[in-house]
Full PDB file with SEQRES, HELIX, SHEET, SSBOND, CRYST1, ORIGX, SCALE, CONECT and MASTER records, all heavy atoms in Angstrom:
SEQRES   1 A   36  ALA LEU LEU TYR ARG LEU ARG LEU THR ALA LEU ALA ARG          
SEQRES   2 A   36  ALA ASN PRO PHE THR LEU SER GLY GLY GLU LYS ARG ARG          
SEQRES   3 A   36  LEU SER VAL ALA THR MET LEU VAL THR ALA                      
HELIX    1 AA1 LEU A    2  ARG A    5  1                                   4    
HELIX    2 AA2 THR A    9  LEU A   11  5                                   3    
HELIX    3 AA3 PRO A   16  THR A   18  5                                   3    
HELIX    4 AA4 GLY A   21  LEU A   33  1                                  13    
CRYST1    1.000    1.000    1.000  90.00  90.00  90.00 P 1           1          
ORIGX1      1.000000  0.000000  0.000000        0.00000                         
ORIGX2      0.000000  1.000000  0.000000        0.00000                         
ORIGX3      0.000000  0.000000  1.000000        0.00000                         
SCALE1      1.000000  0.000000  0.000000        0.00000                         
SCALE2      0.000000  1.000000  0.000000        0.00000                         
SCALE3      0.000000  0.000000  1.000000        0.00000                         
ATOM      1  N   ALA A   1       9.523  66.182 -82.428  1.00  0.00           N  
ATOM      2  CA  ALA A   1       9.729  66.737 -81.077  1.00  0.00           C  
ATOM      3  C   ALA A   1       8.509  66.345 -80.162  1.00  0.00           C  
ATOM      4  O   ALA A   1       8.789  65.993 -78.962  1.00  0.00           O  
ATOM      5  CB  ALA A   1       9.895  68.221 -81.178  1.00  0.00           C  
ATOM      6  N   LEU A   2       7.355  66.418 -80.727  1.00  0.00           N  
ATOM      7  CA  LEU A   2       6.163  66.091 -79.904  1.00  0.00           C  
ATOM      8  C   LEU A   2       6.145  64.595 -79.580  1.00  0.00           C  
ATOM      9  O   LEU A   2       5.775  64.229 -78.463  1.00  0.00           O  
ATOM     10  CB  LEU A   2       4.877  66.456 -80.689  1.00  0.00           C  
ATOM     11  CG  LEU A   2       4.426  67.959 -80.522  1.00  0.00           C  
ATOM     12  CD1 LEU A   2       3.305  68.298 -81.571  1.00  0.00           C  
ATOM     13  CD2 LEU A   2       4.094  68.271 -79.077  1.00  0.00           C  
ATOM     14  N   LEU A   3       6.476  63.817 -80.504  1.00  0.00           N  
ATOM     15  CA  LEU A   3       6.531  62.322 -80.203  1.00  0.00           C  
ATOM     16  C   LEU A   3       7.427  62.034 -79.058  1.00  0.00           C  
ATOM     17  O   LEU A   3       7.130  61.127 -78.227  1.00  0.00           O  
ATOM     18  CB  LEU A   3       7.031  61.581 -81.478  1.00  0.00           C  
ATOM     19  CG  LEU A   3       5.960  61.485 -82.677  1.00  0.00           C  
ATOM     20  CD1 LEU A   3       6.661  60.933 -83.895  1.00  0.00           C  
ATOM     21  CD2 LEU A   3       4.781  60.656 -82.292  1.00  0.00           C  
ATOM     22  N   TYR A   4       8.615  62.704 -79.128  1.00  0.00           N  
ATOM     23  CA  TYR A   4       9.613  62.535 -78.067  1.00  0.00           C  
ATOM     24  C   TYR A   4       9.087  63.009 -76.757  1.00  0.00           C  
ATOM     25  O   TYR A   4       9.131  62.333 -75.671  1.00  0.00           O  
ATOM     26  CB  TYR A   4      10.886  63.106 -78.422  1.00  0.00           C  
ATOM     27  CG  TYR A   4      11.878  63.064 -77.378  1.00  0.00           C  
ATOM     28  CD1 TYR A   4      12.733  61.907 -77.139  1.00  0.00           C  
ATOM     29  CD2 TYR A   4      12.185  64.172 -76.448  1.00  0.00           C  
ATOM     30  CE1 TYR A   4      13.628  61.811 -76.116  1.00  0.00           C  
ATOM     31  CE2 TYR A   4      13.147  64.041 -75.443  1.00  0.00           C  
ATOM     32  CZ  TYR A   4      13.870  62.883 -75.288  1.00  0.00           C  
ATOM     33  OH  TYR A   4      14.841  62.791 -74.307  1.00  0.00           O  
ATOM     34  N   ARG A   5       8.540  64.205 -76.767  1.00  0.00           N  
ATOM     35  CA  ARG A   5       8.070  64.934 -75.533  1.00  0.00           C  
ATOM     36  C   ARG A   5       6.954  64.066 -74.847  1.00  0.00           C  
ATOM     37  O   ARG A   5       6.907  64.052 -73.521  1.00  0.00           O  
ATOM     38  CB  ARG A   5       7.641  66.278 -75.846  1.00  0.00           C  
ATOM     39  CG  ARG A   5       7.294  67.126 -74.625  1.00  0.00           C  
ATOM     40  CD  ARG A   5       8.558  67.396 -73.784  1.00  0.00           C  
ATOM     41  NE  ARG A   5       8.178  68.049 -72.575  1.00  0.00           N  
ATOM     42  CZ  ARG A   5       8.114  69.394 -72.328  1.00  0.00           C  
ATOM     43  NH1 ARG A   5       8.349  70.103 -73.350  1.00  0.00           N  
ATOM     44  NH2 ARG A   5       7.827  69.806 -71.157  1.00  0.00           N  
ATOM     45  N   LEU A   6       6.101  63.473 -75.579  1.00  0.00           N  
ATOM     46  CA  LEU A   6       4.982  62.824 -74.977  1.00  0.00           C  
ATOM     47  C   LEU A   6       5.098  61.294 -75.028  1.00  0.00           C  
ATOM     48  O   LEU A   6       4.199  60.505 -74.941  1.00  0.00           O  
ATOM     49  CB  LEU A   6       3.676  63.168 -75.834  1.00  0.00           C  
ATOM     50  CG  LEU A   6       3.318  64.692 -75.626  1.00  0.00           C  
ATOM     51  CD1 LEU A   6       2.129  65.026 -76.539  1.00  0.00           C  
ATOM     52  CD2 LEU A   6       3.031  64.994 -74.189  1.00  0.00           C  
ATOM     53  N   ARG A   7       6.323  60.770 -75.139  1.00  0.00           N  
ATOM     54  CA  ARG A   7       6.702  59.345 -74.998  1.00  0.00           C  
ATOM     55  C   ARG A   7       5.997  58.507 -75.966  1.00  0.00           C  
ATOM     56  O   ARG A   7       5.491  57.485 -75.664  1.00  0.00           O  
ATOM     57  CB  ARG A   7       6.488  58.875 -73.547  1.00  0.00           C  
ATOM     58  CG  ARG A   7       7.369  59.580 -72.422  1.00  0.00           C  
ATOM     59  CD  ARG A   7       7.108  59.029 -71.142  1.00  0.00           C  
ATOM     60  NE  ARG A   7       7.966  59.622 -70.173  1.00  0.00           N  
ATOM     61  CZ  ARG A   7       9.164  59.217 -69.792  1.00  0.00           C  
ATOM     62  NH1 ARG A   7       9.673  58.105 -70.291  1.00  0.00           N  
ATOM     63  NH2 ARG A   7       9.875  59.804 -68.895  1.00  0.00           N  
ATOM     64  N   LEU A   8       5.871  58.956 -77.225  1.00  0.00           N  
ATOM     65  CA  LEU A   8       5.285  58.157 -78.231  1.00  0.00           C  
ATOM     66  C   LEU A   8       6.183  57.858 -79.344  1.00  0.00           C  
ATOM     67  O   LEU A   8       5.744  57.255 -80.389  1.00  0.00           O  
ATOM     68  CB  LEU A   8       4.049  59.051 -78.820  1.00  0.00           C  
ATOM     69  CG  LEU A   8       2.973  59.410 -77.745  1.00  0.00           C  
ATOM     70  CD1 LEU A   8       1.959  60.445 -78.426  1.00  0.00           C  
ATOM     71  CD2 LEU A   8       2.146  58.164 -77.407  1.00  0.00           C  
ATOM     72  N   THR A   9       7.415  58.092 -79.276  1.00  0.00           N  
ATOM     73  CA  THR A   9       8.429  57.777 -80.351  1.00  0.00           C  
ATOM     74  C   THR A   9       8.381  56.341 -80.799  1.00  0.00           C  
ATOM     75  O   THR A   9       8.357  56.057 -81.978  1.00  0.00           O  
ATOM     76  CB  THR A   9       9.767  58.235 -79.964  1.00  0.00           C  
ATOM     77  OG1 THR A   9       9.771  59.635 -79.656  1.00  0.00           O  
ATOM     78  CG2 THR A   9      10.801  57.980 -81.051  1.00  0.00           C  
ATOM     79  N   ALA A  10       8.403  55.433 -79.736  1.00  0.00           N  
ATOM     80  CA  ALA A  10       8.433  53.970 -80.082  1.00  0.00           C  
ATOM     81  C   ALA A  10       7.102  53.538 -80.747  1.00  0.00           C  
ATOM     82  O   ALA A  10       7.097  52.462 -81.376  1.00  0.00           O  
ATOM     83  CB  ALA A  10       8.696  53.217 -78.850  1.00  0.00           C  
ATOM     84  N   LEU A  11       6.095  54.353 -80.632  1.00  0.00           N  
ATOM     85  CA  LEU A  11       4.791  53.959 -81.167  1.00  0.00           C  
ATOM     86  C   LEU A  11       4.499  54.752 -82.520  1.00  0.00           C  
ATOM     87  O   LEU A  11       3.324  54.698 -82.978  1.00  0.00           O  
ATOM     88  CB  LEU A  11       3.707  54.258 -80.232  1.00  0.00           C  
ATOM     89  CG  LEU A  11       3.865  53.574 -78.869  1.00  0.00           C  
ATOM     90  CD1 LEU A  11       2.960  54.092 -77.785  1.00  0.00           C  
ATOM     91  CD2 LEU A  11       3.550  52.027 -79.040  1.00  0.00           C  
ATOM     92  N   ALA A  12       5.425  55.388 -83.087  1.00  0.00           N  
ATOM     93  CA  ALA A  12       5.210  56.257 -84.304  1.00  0.00           C  
ATOM     94  C   ALA A  12       4.469  55.521 -85.363  1.00  0.00           C  
ATOM     95  O   ALA A  12       3.709  56.080 -86.139  1.00  0.00           O  
ATOM     96  CB  ALA A  12       6.535  56.856 -84.747  1.00  0.00           C  
ATOM     97  N   ARG A  13       4.811  54.210 -85.567  1.00  0.00           N  
ATOM     98  CA  ARG A  13       4.254  53.454 -86.672  1.00  0.00           C  
ATOM     99  C   ARG A  13       3.097  52.580 -86.200  1.00  0.00           C  
ATOM    100  O   ARG A  13       2.448  51.833 -87.052  1.00  0.00           O  
ATOM    101  CB  ARG A  13       5.285  52.570 -87.344  1.00  0.00           C  
ATOM    102  CG  ARG A  13       6.472  53.419 -87.943  1.00  0.00           C  
ATOM    103  CD  ARG A  13       7.462  52.441 -88.409  1.00  0.00           C  
ATOM    104  NE  ARG A  13       7.084  51.610 -89.553  1.00  0.00           N  
ATOM    105  CZ  ARG A  13       7.734  50.624 -90.163  1.00  0.00           C  
ATOM    106  NH1 ARG A  13       8.923  50.408 -89.728  1.00  0.00           N  
ATOM    107  NH2 ARG A  13       7.229  49.892 -91.067  1.00  0.00           N  
ATOM    108  N   ALA A  14       2.637  52.726 -85.012  1.00  0.00           N  
ATOM    109  CA  ALA A  14       1.504  51.934 -84.490  1.00  0.00           C  
ATOM    110  C   ALA A  14       0.185  52.503 -84.935  1.00  0.00           C  
ATOM    111  O   ALA A  14       0.063  53.681 -85.161  1.00  0.00           O  
ATOM    112  CB  ALA A  14       1.646  51.798 -82.926  1.00  0.00           C  
ATOM    113  N   ASN A  15      -0.809  51.671 -85.013  1.00  0.00           N  
ATOM    114  CA  ASN A  15      -2.153  52.102 -85.164  1.00  0.00           C  
ATOM    115  C   ASN A  15      -2.673  52.771 -83.970  1.00  0.00           C  
ATOM    116  O   ASN A  15      -2.596  52.238 -82.890  1.00  0.00           O  
ATOM    117  CB  ASN A  15      -3.051  50.879 -85.533  1.00  0.00           C  
ATOM    118  CG  ASN A  15      -4.429  51.320 -85.976  1.00  0.00           C  
ATOM    119  OD1 ASN A  15      -5.151  52.173 -85.343  1.00  0.00           O  
ATOM    120  ND2 ASN A  15      -4.980  50.680 -87.024  1.00  0.00           N  
ATOM    121  N   PRO A  16      -3.190  54.069 -84.070  1.00  0.00           N  
ATOM    122  CA  PRO A  16      -3.621  54.717 -82.954  1.00  0.00           C  
ATOM    123  C   PRO A  16      -4.689  54.065 -82.068  1.00  0.00           C  
ATOM    124  O   PRO A  16      -4.745  54.190 -80.871  1.00  0.00           O  
ATOM    125  CB  PRO A  16      -4.205  56.095 -83.466  1.00  0.00           C  
ATOM    126  CG  PRO A  16      -3.533  56.229 -84.794  1.00  0.00           C  
ATOM    127  CD  PRO A  16      -3.328  54.806 -85.293  1.00  0.00           C  
ATOM    128  N   PHE A  17      -5.549  53.240 -82.685  1.00  0.00           N  
ATOM    129  CA  PHE A  17      -6.617  52.531 -82.007  1.00  0.00           C  
ATOM    130  C   PHE A  17      -6.070  51.360 -81.252  1.00  0.00           C  
ATOM    131  O   PHE A  17      -6.846  50.834 -80.357  1.00  0.00           O  
ATOM    132  CB  PHE A  17      -7.658  52.111 -82.991  1.00  0.00           C  
ATOM    133  CG  PHE A  17      -8.386  53.216 -83.638  1.00  0.00           C  
ATOM    134  CD1 PHE A  17      -7.982  53.767 -84.847  1.00  0.00           C  
ATOM    135  CD2 PHE A  17      -9.465  53.839 -83.019  1.00  0.00           C  
ATOM    136  CE1 PHE A  17      -8.574  54.772 -85.450  1.00  0.00           C  
ATOM    137  CE2 PHE A  17     -10.116  54.872 -83.654  1.00  0.00           C  
ATOM    138  CZ  PHE A  17      -9.659  55.298 -84.808  1.00  0.00           C  
ATOM    139  N   THR A  18      -4.754  50.990 -81.295  1.00  0.00           N  
ATOM    140  CA  THR A  18      -4.224  49.890 -80.559  1.00  0.00           C  
ATOM    141  C   THR A  18      -3.436  50.420 -79.336  1.00  0.00           C  
ATOM    142  O   THR A  18      -2.938  49.625 -78.520  1.00  0.00           O  
ATOM    143  CB  THR A  18      -3.256  48.936 -81.282  1.00  0.00           C  
ATOM    144  OG1 THR A  18      -2.118  49.755 -81.743  1.00  0.00           O  
ATOM    145  CG2 THR A  18      -3.986  48.576 -82.591  1.00  0.00           C  
ATOM    146  N   LEU A  19      -3.402  51.708 -79.122  1.00  0.00           N  
ATOM    147  CA  LEU A  19      -2.620  52.292 -78.031  1.00  0.00           C  
ATOM    148  C   LEU A  19      -3.493  52.085 -76.623  1.00  0.00           C  
ATOM    149  O   LEU A  19      -4.672  51.854 -76.664  1.00  0.00           O  
ATOM    150  CB  LEU A  19      -2.408  53.792 -78.161  1.00  0.00           C  
ATOM    151  CG  LEU A  19      -1.706  54.245 -79.489  1.00  0.00           C  
ATOM    152  CD1 LEU A  19      -1.448  55.734 -79.450  1.00  0.00           C  
ATOM    153  CD2 LEU A  19      -0.346  53.530 -79.634  1.00  0.00           C  
ATOM    154  N   SER A  20      -2.753  52.258 -75.588  1.00  0.00           N  
ATOM    155  CA  SER A  20      -3.479  52.249 -74.287  1.00  0.00           C  
ATOM    156  C   SER A  20      -4.281  53.578 -74.135  1.00  0.00           C  
ATOM    157  O   SER A  20      -4.052  54.484 -74.903  1.00  0.00           O  
ATOM    158  CB  SER A  20      -2.440  52.125 -73.184  1.00  0.00           C  
ATOM    159  OG  SER A  20      -1.759  53.366 -72.979  1.00  0.00           O  
ATOM    160  N   GLY A  21      -5.127  53.615 -73.129  1.00  0.00           N  
ATOM    161  CA  GLY A  21      -5.944  54.691 -72.993  1.00  0.00           C  
ATOM    162  C   GLY A  21      -5.072  55.986 -72.734  1.00  0.00           C  
ATOM    163  O   GLY A  21      -5.341  57.042 -73.269  1.00  0.00           O  
ATOM    164  N   GLY A  22      -4.010  55.867 -71.890  1.00  0.00           N  
ATOM    165  CA  GLY A  22      -3.120  56.930 -71.564  1.00  0.00           C  
ATOM    166  C   GLY A  22      -2.325  57.471 -72.818  1.00  0.00           C  
ATOM    167  O   GLY A  22      -2.215  58.651 -73.086  1.00  0.00           O  
ATOM    168  N   GLU A  23      -1.931  56.412 -73.674  1.00  0.00           N  
ATOM    169  CA  GLU A  23      -1.264  56.812 -74.790  1.00  0.00           C  
ATOM    170  C   GLU A  23      -2.100  57.487 -75.826  1.00  0.00           C  
ATOM    171  O   GLU A  23      -1.782  58.474 -76.573  1.00  0.00           O  
ATOM    172  CB  GLU A  23      -0.679  55.566 -75.464  1.00  0.00           C  
ATOM    173  CG  GLU A  23       0.551  54.939 -74.620  1.00  0.00           C  
ATOM    174  CD  GLU A  23       0.863  53.542 -75.077  1.00  0.00           C  
ATOM    175  OE1 GLU A  23       0.139  52.906 -75.710  1.00  0.00           O  
ATOM    176  OE2 GLU A  23       2.025  53.092 -74.629  1.00  0.00           O  
ATOM    177  N   LYS A  24      -3.363  57.028 -75.940  1.00  0.00           N  
ATOM    178  CA  LYS A  24      -4.338  57.707 -76.849  1.00  0.00           C  
ATOM    179  C   LYS A  24      -4.552  59.097 -76.372  1.00  0.00           C  
ATOM    180  O   LYS A  24      -4.682  59.978 -77.284  1.00  0.00           O  
ATOM    181  CB  LYS A  24      -5.719  56.849 -76.798  1.00  0.00           C  
ATOM    182  CG  LYS A  24      -5.645  55.546 -77.548  1.00  0.00           C  
ATOM    183  CD  LYS A  24      -7.050  54.886 -77.441  1.00  0.00           C  
ATOM    184  CE  LYS A  24      -7.019  53.500 -78.091  1.00  0.00           C  
ATOM    185  NZ  LYS A  24      -8.254  52.713 -77.838  1.00  0.00           N  
ATOM    186  N   ARG A  25      -4.657  59.330 -75.046  1.00  0.00           N  
ATOM    187  CA  ARG A  25      -4.949  60.746 -74.584  1.00  0.00           C  
ATOM    188  C   ARG A  25      -3.732  61.609 -74.920  1.00  0.00           C  
ATOM    189  O   ARG A  25      -3.821  62.713 -75.463  1.00  0.00           O  
ATOM    190  CB  ARG A  25      -5.121  60.684 -73.106  1.00  0.00           C  
ATOM    191  CG  ARG A  25      -5.163  61.999 -72.395  1.00  0.00           C  
ATOM    192  CD  ARG A  25      -6.022  63.025 -73.177  1.00  0.00           C  
ATOM    193  NE  ARG A  25      -7.412  62.859 -72.895  1.00  0.00           N  
ATOM    194  CZ  ARG A  25      -8.325  63.155 -73.784  1.00  0.00           C  
ATOM    195  NH1 ARG A  25      -8.002  63.549 -74.985  1.00  0.00           N  
ATOM    196  NH2 ARG A  25      -9.596  62.980 -73.432  1.00  0.00           N  
ATOM    197  N   ARG A  26      -2.466  61.154 -74.755  1.00  0.00           N  
ATOM    198  CA  ARG A  26      -1.331  61.955 -75.076  1.00  0.00           C  
ATOM    199  C   ARG A  26      -1.273  62.231 -76.630  1.00  0.00           C  
ATOM    200  O   ARG A  26      -0.862  63.302 -77.056  1.00  0.00           O  
ATOM    201  CB  ARG A  26      -0.081  61.318 -74.603  1.00  0.00           C  
ATOM    202  CG  ARG A  26       0.009  61.120 -73.160  1.00  0.00           C  
ATOM    203  CD  ARG A  26       1.360  60.893 -72.592  1.00  0.00           C  
ATOM    204  NE  ARG A  26       2.082  59.747 -73.120  1.00  0.00           N  
ATOM    205  CZ  ARG A  26       1.899  58.519 -72.649  1.00  0.00           C  
ATOM    206  NH1 ARG A  26       1.063  58.320 -71.724  1.00  0.00           N  
ATOM    207  NH2 ARG A  26       2.624  57.555 -73.144  1.00  0.00           N  
ATOM    208  N   LEU A  27      -1.655  61.184 -77.418  1.00  0.00           N  
ATOM    209  CA  LEU A  27      -1.662  61.405 -78.845  1.00  0.00           C  
ATOM    210  C   LEU A  27      -2.709  62.469 -79.308  1.00  0.00           C  
ATOM    211  O   LEU A  27      -2.516  63.301 -80.037  1.00  0.00           O  
ATOM    212  CB  LEU A  27      -1.928  60.142 -79.594  1.00  0.00           C  
ATOM    213  CG  LEU A  27      -2.093  60.216 -81.124  1.00  0.00           C  
ATOM    214  CD1 LEU A  27      -0.809  60.882 -81.755  1.00  0.00           C  
ATOM    215  CD2 LEU A  27      -2.391  58.907 -81.728  1.00  0.00           C  
ATOM    216  N   SER A  28      -3.843  62.438 -78.626  1.00  0.00           N  
ATOM    217  CA  SER A  28      -4.894  63.372 -78.952  1.00  0.00           C  
ATOM    218  C   SER A  28      -4.485  64.772 -78.575  1.00  0.00           C  
ATOM    219  O   SER A  28      -4.862  65.716 -79.356  1.00  0.00           O  
ATOM    220  CB  SER A  28      -6.314  63.043 -78.263  1.00  0.00           C  
ATOM    221  OG  SER A  28      -6.200  63.156 -76.778  1.00  0.00           O  
ATOM    222  N   VAL A  29      -3.776  64.927 -77.462  1.00  0.00           N  
ATOM    223  CA  VAL A  29      -3.294  66.245 -77.149  1.00  0.00           C  
ATOM    224  C   VAL A  29      -2.212  66.712 -78.154  1.00  0.00           C  
ATOM    225  O   VAL A  29      -2.229  67.810 -78.646  1.00  0.00           O  
ATOM    226  CB  VAL A  29      -2.629  66.248 -75.720  1.00  0.00           C  
ATOM    227  CG1 VAL A  29      -1.942  67.470 -75.383  1.00  0.00           C  
ATOM    228  CG2 VAL A  29      -3.791  66.031 -74.674  1.00  0.00           C  
ATOM    229  N   ALA A  30      -1.363  65.799 -78.559  1.00  0.00           N  
ATOM    230  CA  ALA A  30      -0.334  66.177 -79.565  1.00  0.00           C  
ATOM    231  C   ALA A  30      -0.915  66.482 -80.904  1.00  0.00           C  
ATOM    232  O   ALA A  30      -0.330  67.412 -81.529  1.00  0.00           O  
ATOM    233  CB  ALA A  30       0.641  64.908 -79.712  1.00  0.00           C  
ATOM    234  N   THR A  31      -2.079  65.923 -81.370  1.00  0.00           N  
ATOM    235  CA  THR A  31      -2.627  66.269 -82.536  1.00  0.00           C  
ATOM    236  C   THR A  31      -3.060  67.880 -82.627  1.00  0.00           C  
ATOM    237  O   THR A  31      -3.071  68.390 -83.707  1.00  0.00           O  
ATOM    238  CB  THR A  31      -3.895  65.476 -82.917  1.00  0.00           C  
ATOM    239  OG1 THR A  31      -4.871  65.610 -81.924  1.00  0.00           O  
ATOM    240  CG2 THR A  31      -3.460  64.001 -83.005  1.00  0.00           C  
ATOM    241  N   MET A  32      -3.316  68.301 -81.387  1.00  0.00           N  
ATOM    242  CA  MET A  32      -3.661  69.704 -81.359  1.00  0.00           C  
ATOM    243  C   MET A  32      -2.481  70.631 -81.180  1.00  0.00           C  
ATOM    244  O   MET A  32      -2.297  71.735 -81.847  1.00  0.00           O  
ATOM    245  CB  MET A  32      -4.700  69.999 -80.270  1.00  0.00           C  
ATOM    246  CG  MET A  32      -6.048  69.411 -80.584  1.00  0.00           C  
ATOM    247  SD  MET A  32      -6.846  70.179 -81.946  1.00  0.00           S  
ATOM    248  CE  MET A  32      -6.680  68.837 -83.194  1.00  0.00           C  
ATOM    249  N   LEU A  33      -1.481  70.126 -80.356  1.00  0.00           N  
ATOM    250  CA  LEU A  33      -0.225  71.003 -80.167  1.00  0.00           C  
ATOM    251  C   LEU A  33       0.448  71.170 -81.506  1.00  0.00           C  
ATOM    252  O   LEU A  33       1.159  72.182 -81.641  1.00  0.00           O  
ATOM    253  CB  LEU A  33       0.640  70.242 -79.077  1.00  0.00           C  
ATOM    254  CG  LEU A  33       0.039  70.104 -77.765  1.00  0.00           C  
ATOM    255  CD1 LEU A  33       1.052  69.454 -76.804  1.00  0.00           C  
ATOM    256  CD2 LEU A  33      -0.411  71.449 -77.148  1.00  0.00           C  
ATOM    257  N   VAL A  34       0.436  70.195 -82.348  1.00  0.00           N  
ATOM    258  CA  VAL A  34       1.179  70.327 -83.589  1.00  0.00           C  
ATOM    259  C   VAL A  34       0.750  71.469 -84.473  1.00  0.00           C  
ATOM    260  O   VAL A  34       1.587  71.978 -85.323  1.00  0.00           O  
ATOM    261  CB  VAL A  34       1.189  68.946 -84.426  1.00  0.00           C  
ATOM    262  CG1 VAL A  34      -0.179  68.777 -85.103  1.00  0.00           C  
ATOM    263  CG2 VAL A  34       2.305  68.882 -85.372  1.00  0.00           C  
ATOM    264  N   THR A  35      -0.412  71.936 -84.253  1.00  0.00           N  
ATOM    265  CA  THR A  35      -0.958  73.079 -85.056  1.00  0.00           C  
ATOM    266  C   THR A  35      -0.672  74.402 -84.430  1.00  0.00           C  
ATOM    267  O   THR A  35      -0.978  75.449 -84.971  1.00  0.00           O  
ATOM    268  CB  THR A  35      -2.464  72.878 -85.245  1.00  0.00           C  
ATOM    269  OG1 THR A  35      -3.240  73.033 -84.075  1.00  0.00           O  
ATOM    270  CG2 THR A  35      -2.758  71.542 -85.939  1.00  0.00           C  
ATOM    271  N   ALA A  36      -0.162  74.464 -83.161  1.00  0.00           N  
ATOM    272  CA  ALA A  36       0.231  75.528 -82.480  1.00  0.00           C  
ATOM    273  C   ALA A  36      -0.957  76.643 -82.365  1.00  0.00           C  
ATOM    274  O   ALA A  36      -0.748  77.810 -82.803  1.00  0.00           O  
ATOM    275  CB  ALA A  36       1.474  76.172 -83.073  1.00  0.00           C  
TER     276      ALA A  36                                                      
MASTER        0    0    0    4    0    0    0    6  275    1    0    3          
END                                                                             
C-alpha cells in the first residue's frame, strides 16, 4: 500500500541508492510510515 501511495511500486526491486532525490525522500518517509 505504501509503495503504491508514494509512487514507488515500479521501483520495488531497485537499489535505493539509484533512485532520484525525490524518490529517495519518499522512500525514507515510507520507511517510517510502515512502522505506524
